[in-house]
Amino acid sequence: MNAATQTRFLGDTAQVDHLVPLGDIIRPENFAMERERIFRRSWLPVAHRHDFPERGSYRVIEVPLF
């Protein structure tokens, strides 16, 4: 894990039953799985209908997946 993904919760953890280590969640393989299971299986809104001046207009957008 690099410095950009390191963080610490500084609040009161006395009432927390279970802490999940951030390093276990933010890993490249988890991100790859989320891209496949979430983002590739659903439509992503990239424009509003008012962005298209007339019937039949369309827009092509390249969405980077990091």
PDB file of N, CA and C in Angstrom:
ATOM      1  N   MET A   1       0.847  -1.176   0.000  1.00  0.00           N
ATOM      2  CA  MET A   1       0.000   0.000   0.000  1.00  0.00           C
ATOM      3  C   MET A   1       0.886   1.230   0.000  1.00  0.00           C
ATOM      4  N   ASN A   2       0.560   2.197  -0.861  1.00  0.00           N
ATOM      5  CA  ASN A   2       1.382   3.395  -0.928  1.00  0.00           C
ATOM      6  C   ASN A   2       0.825   4.492  -0.026  1.00  0.00           C
ATOM      7  N   ALA A   3       1.536   5.605   0.048  1.00  0.00           N
ATOM      8  CA  ALA A   3       1.150   6.690   0.943  1.00  0.00           C
ATOM      9  C   ALA A   3      -0.205   7.280   0.580  1.00  0.00           C
ATOM     10  N   ALA A   4      -0.591   7.226  -0.699  1.00  0.00           N
ATOM     11  CA  ALA A   4      -1.867   7.799  -1.121  1.00  0.00           C
ATOM     12  C   ALA A   4      -3.056   7.024  -0.582  1.00  0.00           C
ATOM     13  N   THR A   5      -2.887   5.752  -0.269  1.00  0.00           N
ATOM     14  CA  THR A   5      -4.006   4.956   0.214  1.00  0.00           C
ATOM     15  C   THR A   5      -3.959   4.706   1.717  1.00  0.00           C
ATOM     16  N   GLN A   6      -2.982   5.201   2.380  1.00  0.00           N
ATOM     17  CA  GLN A   6      -2.897   5.012   3.824  1.00  0.00           C
ATOM     18  C   GLN A   6      -3.766   6.044   4.524  1.00  0.00           C
ATOM     19  N   THR A   7      -4.499   5.602   5.510  1.00  0.00           N
ATOM     20  CA  THR A   7      -5.343   6.498   6.281  1.00  0.00           C
ATOM     21  C   THR A   7      -5.542   5.917   7.670  1.00  0.00           C
ATOM     22  N   ARG A   8      -6.077   6.740   8.544  1.00  0.00           N
ATOM     23  CA  ARG A   8      -6.330   6.278   9.903  1.00  0.00           C
ATOM     24  C   ARG A   8      -7.597   6.952  10.401  1.00  0.00           C
ATOM     25  N   PHE A   9      -8.447   6.169  11.041  1.00  0.00           N
ATOM     26  CA  PHE A   9      -9.645   6.713  11.647  1.00  0.00           C
ATOM     27  C   PHE A   9      -9.263   7.226  13.024  1.00  0.00           C
ATOM     28  N   LEU A  10      -9.479   8.506  13.260  1.00  0.00           N
ATOM     29  CA  LEU A  10      -9.055   9.110  14.519  1.00  0.00           C
ATOM     30  C   LEU A  10     -10.203   9.295  15.496  1.00  0.00           C
ATOM     31  N   GLY A  11     -11.366   8.775  15.167  1.00  0.00           N
ATOM     32  CA  GLY A  11     -12.524   8.936  16.043  1.00  0.00           C
ATOM     33  C   GLY A  11     -12.529   7.918  17.182  1.00  0.00           C
ATOM     34  N   ASP A  12     -13.596   7.904  17.929  1.00  0.00           N
ATOM     35  CA  ASP A  12     -13.765   7.005  19.061  1.00  0.00           C
ATOM     36  C   ASP A  12     -14.182   5.628  18.559  1.00  0.00           C
ATOM     37  N   THR A  13     -13.336   4.648  18.733  1.00  0.00           N
ATOM     38  CA  THR A  13     -13.631   3.283  18.281  1.00  0.00           C
ATOM     39  C   THR A  13     -14.093   2.374  19.413  1.00  0.00           C
ATOM     40  N   ALA A  14     -14.369   2.939  20.577  1.00  0.00           N
ATOM     41  CA  ALA A  14     -14.754   2.126  21.733  1.00  0.00           C
ATOM     42  C   ALA A  14     -16.045   1.341  21.478  1.00  0.00           C
ATOM     43  N   GLN A  15     -16.980   1.888  20.712  1.00  0.00           N
ATOM     44  CA  GLN A  15     -18.264   1.232  20.456  1.00  0.00           C
ATOM     45  C   GLN A  15     -18.265   0.391  19.175  1.00  0.00           C
ATOM     46  N   VAL A  16     -17.143   0.322  18.487  1.00  0.00           N
ATOM     47  CA  VAL A  16     -17.060  -0.428  17.235  1.00  0.00           C
ATOM     48  C   VAL A  16     -16.760  -1.890  17.542  1.00  0.00           C
ATOM     49  N   ASP A  17     -17.621  -2.782  17.042  1.00  0.00           N
ATOM     50  CA  ASP A  17     -17.442  -4.212  17.292  1.00  0.00           C
ATOM     51  C   ASP A  17     -16.324  -4.816  16.468  1.00  0.00           C
ATOM     52  N   HIS A  18     -16.165  -4.339  15.218  1.00  0.00           N
ATOM     53  CA  HIS A  18     -15.202  -4.961  14.316  1.00  0.00           C
ATOM     54  C   HIS A  18     -14.615  -3.899  13.391  1.00  0.00           C
ATOM     55  N   LEU A  19     -13.321  -3.800  13.353  1.00  0.00           N
ATOM     56  CA  LEU A  19     -12.644  -2.884  12.451  1.00  0.00           C
ATOM     57  C   LEU A  19     -12.172  -3.648  11.220  1.00  0.00           C
ATOM     58  N   VAL A  20     -12.341  -3.067  10.061  1.00  0.00           N
ATOM     59  CA  VAL A  20     -11.884  -3.678   8.817  1.00  0.00           C
ATOM     60  C   VAL A  20     -10.628  -2.938   8.382  1.00  0.00           C
ATOM     61  N   PRO A  21      -9.480  -3.609   8.314  1.00  0.00           N
ATOM     62  CA  PRO A  21      -8.250  -2.950   7.896  1.00  0.00           C
ATOM     63  C   PRO A  21      -8.375  -2.430   6.461  1.00  0.00           C
ATOM     64  N   LEU A  22      -8.055  -1.179   6.255  1.00  0.00           N
ATOM     65  CA  LEU A  22      -8.168  -0.553   4.943  1.00  0.00           C
ATOM     66  C   LEU A  22      -7.295  -1.271   3.913  1.00  0.00           C
ATOM     67  N   GLY A  23      -6.142  -1.729   4.317  1.00  0.00           N
ATOM     68  CA  GLY A  23      -5.245  -2.420   3.403  1.00  0.00           C
ATOM     69  C   GLY A  23      -5.836  -3.684   2.816  1.00  0.00           C
ATOM     70  N   ASP A  24      -6.778  -4.299   3.528  1.00  0.00           N
ATOM     71  CA  ASP A  24      -7.430  -5.509   3.019  1.00  0.00           C
ATOM     72  C   ASP A  24      -8.474  -5.190   1.947  1.00  0.00           C
ATOM     73  N   ILE A  25      -8.930  -3.951   1.909  1.00  0.00           N
ATOM     74  CA  ILE A  25      -9.972  -3.558   0.962  1.00  0.00           C
ATOM     75  C   ILE A  25      -9.387  -2.905  -0.283  1.00  0.00           C
ATOM     76  N   ILE A  26      -8.430  -2.018  -0.100  1.00  0.00           N
ATOM     77  CA  ILE A  26      -7.864  -1.263  -1.227  1.00  0.00           C
ATOM     78  C   ILE A  26      -6.671  -2.024  -1.785  1.00  0.00           C
ATOM     79  N   ARG A  27      -6.969  -2.924  -2.688  1.00  0.00           N
ATOM     80  CA  ARG A  27      -5.936  -3.697  -3.379  1.00  0.00           C
ATOM     81  C   ARG A  27      -6.283  -3.737  -4.849  1.00  0.00           C
ATOM     82  N   PRO A  28      -5.286  -3.814  -5.713  1.00  0.00           N
ATOM     83  CA  PRO A  28      -5.562  -3.839  -7.159  1.00  0.00           C
ATOM     84  C   PRO A  28      -6.511  -4.959  -7.579  1.00  0.00           C
ATOM     85  N   GLU A  29      -6.404  -6.127  -6.976  1.00  0.00           N
ATOM     86  CA  GLU A  29      -7.288  -7.230  -7.365  1.00  0.00           C
ATOM     87  C   GLU A  29      -8.739  -6.961  -6.957  1.00  0.00           C
ATOM     88  N   ASN A  30      -8.955  -6.264  -5.842  1.00  0.00           N
ATOM     89  CA  ASN A  30     -10.319  -5.895  -5.455  1.00  0.00           C
ATOM     90  C   ASN A  30     -10.892  -4.862  -6.421  1.00  0.00           C
ATOM     91  N   PHE A  31     -10.070  -3.899  -6.828  1.00  0.00           N
ATOM     92  CA  PHE A  31     -10.523  -2.884  -7.776  1.00  0.00           C
ATOM     93  C   PHE A  31     -10.870  -3.523  -9.117  1.00  0.00           C
ATOM     94  N   ALA A  32     -10.062  -4.454  -9.564  1.00  0.00           N
ATOM     95  CA  ALA A  32     -10.334  -5.154 -10.824  1.00  0.00           C
ATOM     96  C   ALA A  32     -11.659  -5.924 -10.743  1.00  0.00           C
ATOM     97  N   MET A  33     -11.911  -6.547  -9.612  1.00  0.00           N
ATOM     98  CA  MET A  33     -13.154  -7.291  -9.419  1.00  0.00           C
ATOM     99  C   MET A  33     -14.347  -6.330  -9.429  1.00  0.00           C
ATOM    100  N   GLU A  34     -14.240  -5.179  -8.768  1.00  0.00           N
ATOM    101  CA  GLU A  34     -15.327  -4.203  -8.756  1.00  0.00           C
ATOM    102  C   GLU A  34     -15.602  -3.659 -10.160  1.00  0.00           C
ATOM    103  N   ARG A  35     -14.541  -3.386 -10.916  1.00  0.00           N
ATOM    104  CA  ARG A  35     -14.739  -2.908 -12.291  1.00  0.00           C
ATOM    105  C   ARG A  35     -15.540  -3.915 -13.091  1.00  0.00           C
ATOM    106  N   GLU A  36     -15.203  -5.180 -12.958  1.00  0.00           N
ATOM    107  CA  GLU A  36     -15.870  -6.227 -13.730  1.00  0.00           C
ATOM    108  C   GLU A  36     -17.309  -6.457 -13.255  1.00  0.00           C
ATOM    109  N   ARG A  37     -17.501  -6.562 -11.946  1.00  0.00           N
ATOM    110  CA  ARG A  37     -18.809  -6.932 -11.403  1.00  0.00           C
ATOM    111  C   ARG A  37     -19.786  -5.774 -11.268  1.00  0.00           C
ATOM    112  N   ILE A  38     -19.297  -4.561 -11.214  1.00  0.00           N
ATOM    113  CA  ILE A  38     -20.194  -3.418 -11.022  1.00  0.00           C
ATOM    114  C   ILE A  38     -20.253  -2.547 -12.268  1.00  0.00           C
ATOM    115  N   PHE A  39     -19.135  -1.982 -12.654  1.00  0.00           N
ATOM    116  CA  PHE A  39     -19.132  -0.956 -13.686  1.00  0.00           C
ATOM    117  C   PHE A  39     -19.322  -1.492 -15.095  1.00  0.00           C
ATOM    118  N   ARG A  40     -18.879  -2.690 -15.391  1.00  0.00           N
ATOM    119  CA  ARG A  40     -19.045  -3.230 -16.746  1.00  0.00           C
ATOM    120  C   ARG A  40     -20.425  -3.823 -16.974  1.00  0.00           C
ATOM    121  N   ARG A  41     -21.204  -3.982 -15.920  1.00  0.00           N
ATOM    122  CA  ARG A  41     -22.506  -4.626 -16.054  1.00  0.00           C
ATOM    123  C   ARG A  41     -23.679  -3.653 -15.993  1.00  0.00           C
ATOM    124  N   SER A  42     -23.409  -2.388 -15.930  1.00  0.00           N
ATOM    125  CA  SER A  42     -24.514  -1.437 -15.859  1.00  0.00           C
ATOM    126  C   SER A  42     -24.227  -0.224 -16.732  1.00  0.00           C
ATOM    127  N   TRP A  43     -25.280   0.467 -17.086  1.00  0.00           N
ATOM    128  CA  TRP A  43     -25.143   1.687 -17.869  1.00  0.00           C
ATOM    129  C   TRP A  43     -24.570   2.776 -16.976  1.00  0.00           C
ATOM    130  N   LEU A  44     -23.702   3.586 -17.547  1.00  0.00           N
ATOM    131  CA  LEU A  44     -23.143   4.729 -16.827  1.00  0.00           C
ATOM    132  C   LEU A  44     -23.653   5.999 -17.502  1.00  0.00           C
ATOM    133  N   PRO A  45     -24.407   6.831 -16.793  1.00  0.00           N
ATOM    134  CA  PRO A  45     -24.895   8.052 -17.419  1.00  0.00           C
ATOM    135  C   PRO A  45     -23.738   9.005 -17.727  1.00  0.00           C
ATOM    136  N   VAL A  46     -23.650   9.431 -18.957  1.00  0.00           N
ATOM    137  CA  VAL A  46     -22.547  10.312 -19.374  1.00  0.00           C
ATOM    138  C   VAL A  46     -23.046  11.612 -19.984  1.00  0.00           C
ATOM    139  N   ALA A  47     -24.359  11.739 -20.187  1.00  0.00           N
ATOM    140  CA  ALA A  47     -24.906  12.956 -20.777  1.00  0.00           C
ATOM    141  C   ALA A  47     -26.382  13.055 -20.410  1.00  0.00           C
ATOM    142  N   HIS A  48     -26.904  14.237 -20.538  1.00  0.00           N
ATOM    143  CA  HIS A  48     -28.321  14.494 -20.296  1.00  0.00           C
ATOM    144  C   HIS A  48     -29.014  14.632 -21.652  1.00  0.00           C
ATOM    145  N   ARG A  49     -30.266  14.369 -21.702  1.00  0.00           N
ATOM    146  CA  ARG A  49     -30.991  14.438 -22.977  1.00  0.00           C
ATOM    147  C   ARG A  49     -30.915  15.824 -23.610  1.00  0.00           C
ATOM    148  N   HIS A  50     -30.742  16.847 -22.790  1.00  0.00           N
ATOM    149  CA  HIS A  50     -30.630  18.204 -23.323  1.00  0.00           C
ATOM    150  C   HIS A  50     -29.287  18.439 -24.034  1.00  0.00           C
ATOM    151  N   ASP A  51     -28.339  17.506 -23.867  1.00  0.00           N
ATOM    152  CA  ASP A  51     -27.048  17.620 -24.543  1.00  0.00           C
ATOM    153  C   ASP A  51     -27.139  17.253 -26.024  1.00  0.00           C
ATOM    154  N   PHE A  52     -28.283  16.734 -26.459  1.00  0.00           N
ATOM    155  CA  PHE A  52     -28.445  16.295 -27.833  1.00  0.00           C
ATOM    156  C   PHE A  52     -29.430  17.219 -28.540  1.00  0.00           C
ATOM    157  N   PRO A  53     -28.961  17.961 -29.535  1.00  0.00           N
ATOM    158  CA  PRO A  53     -29.777  19.003 -30.150  1.00  0.00           C
ATOM    159  C   PRO A  53     -30.987  18.501 -30.944  1.00  0.00           C
ATOM    160  N   GLU A  54     -30.889  17.315 -31.507  1.00  0.00           N
ATOM    161  CA  GLU A  54     -32.009  16.841 -32.320  1.00  0.00           C
ATOM    162  C   GLU A  54     -32.109  15.324 -32.258  1.00  0.00           C
ATOM    163  N   ARG A  55     -33.228  14.803 -32.676  1.00  0.00           N
ATOM    164  CA  ARG A  55     -33.468  13.357 -32.679  1.00  0.00           C
ATOM    165  C   ARG A  55     -32.419  12.667 -33.552  1.00  0.00           C
ATOM    166  N   GLY A  56     -31.850  11.585 -33.046  1.00  0.00           N
ATOM    167  CA  GLY A  56     -30.826  10.853 -33.780  1.00  0.00           C
ATOM    168  C   GLY A  56     -29.406  11.276 -33.425  1.00  0.00           C
ATOM    169  N   SER A  57     -29.268  12.349 -32.643  1.00  0.00           N
ATOM    170  CA  SER A  57     -27.930  12.768 -32.213  1.00  0.00           C
ATOM    171  C   SER A  57     -27.368  11.727 -31.256  1.00  0.00           C
ATOM    172  N   TYR A  58     -26.070  11.611 -31.213  1.00  0.00           N
ATOM    173  CA  TYR A  58     -25.444  10.682 -30.279  1.00  0.00           C
ATOM    174  C   TYR A  58     -24.091  11.212 -29.861  1.00  0.00           C
ATOM    175  N   ARG A  59     -23.525  10.587 -28.854  1.00  0.00           N
ATOM    176  CA  ARG A  59     -22.229  10.986 -28.318  1.00  0.00           C
ATOM    177  C   ARG A  59     -21.435   9.718 -28.020  1.00  0.00           C
ATOM    178  N   VAL A  60     -20.177   9.712 -28.361  1.00  0.00           N
ATOM    179  CA  VAL A  60     -19.282   8.610 -28.051  1.00  0.00           C
ATOM    180  C   VAL A  60     -18.291   9.113 -27.015  1.00  0.00           C
ATOM    181  N   ILE A  61     -18.197   8.410 -25.907  1.00  0.00           N
ATOM    182  CA  ILE A  61     -17.311   8.827 -24.822  1.00  0.00           C
ATOM    183  C   ILE A  61     -16.465   7.627 -24.403  1.00  0.00           C
ATOM    184  N   GLU A  62     -15.174   7.835 -24.324  1.00  0.00           N
ATOM    185  CA  GLU A  62     -14.246   6.813 -23.832  1.00  0.00           C
ATOM    186  C   GLU A  62     -14.143   6.987 -22.317  1.00  0.00           C
ATOM    187  N   VAL A  63     -14.537   5.971 -21.575  1.00  0.00           N
ATOM    188  CA  VAL A  63     -14.489   6.020 -20.113  1.00  0.00           C
ATOM    189  C   VAL A  63     -13.263   5.236 -19.661  1.00  0.00           C
ATOM    190  N   PRO A  64     -12.257   5.920 -19.100  1.00  0.00           N
ATOM    191  CA  PRO A  64     -11.047   5.210 -18.666  1.00  0.00           C
ATOM    192  C   PRO A  64     -11.345   4.322 -17.454  1.00  0.00           C
ATOM    193  N   LEU A  65     -10.781   3.148 -17.457  1.00  0.00           N
ATOM    194  CA  LEU A  65     -10.954   2.228 -16.331  1.00  0.00           C
ATOM    195  C   LEU A  65      -9.683   2.140 -15.487  1.00  0.00           C
ATOM    196  N   PHE A  66      -8.879   3.171 -15.530  1.00  0.00           N
ATOM    197  CA  PHE A  66      -7.633   3.288 -14.760  1.00  0.00           C
ATOM    198  C   PHE A  66      -6.600   2.323 -15.204  1.00  0.00           C
TER     199      PHE A  66
END
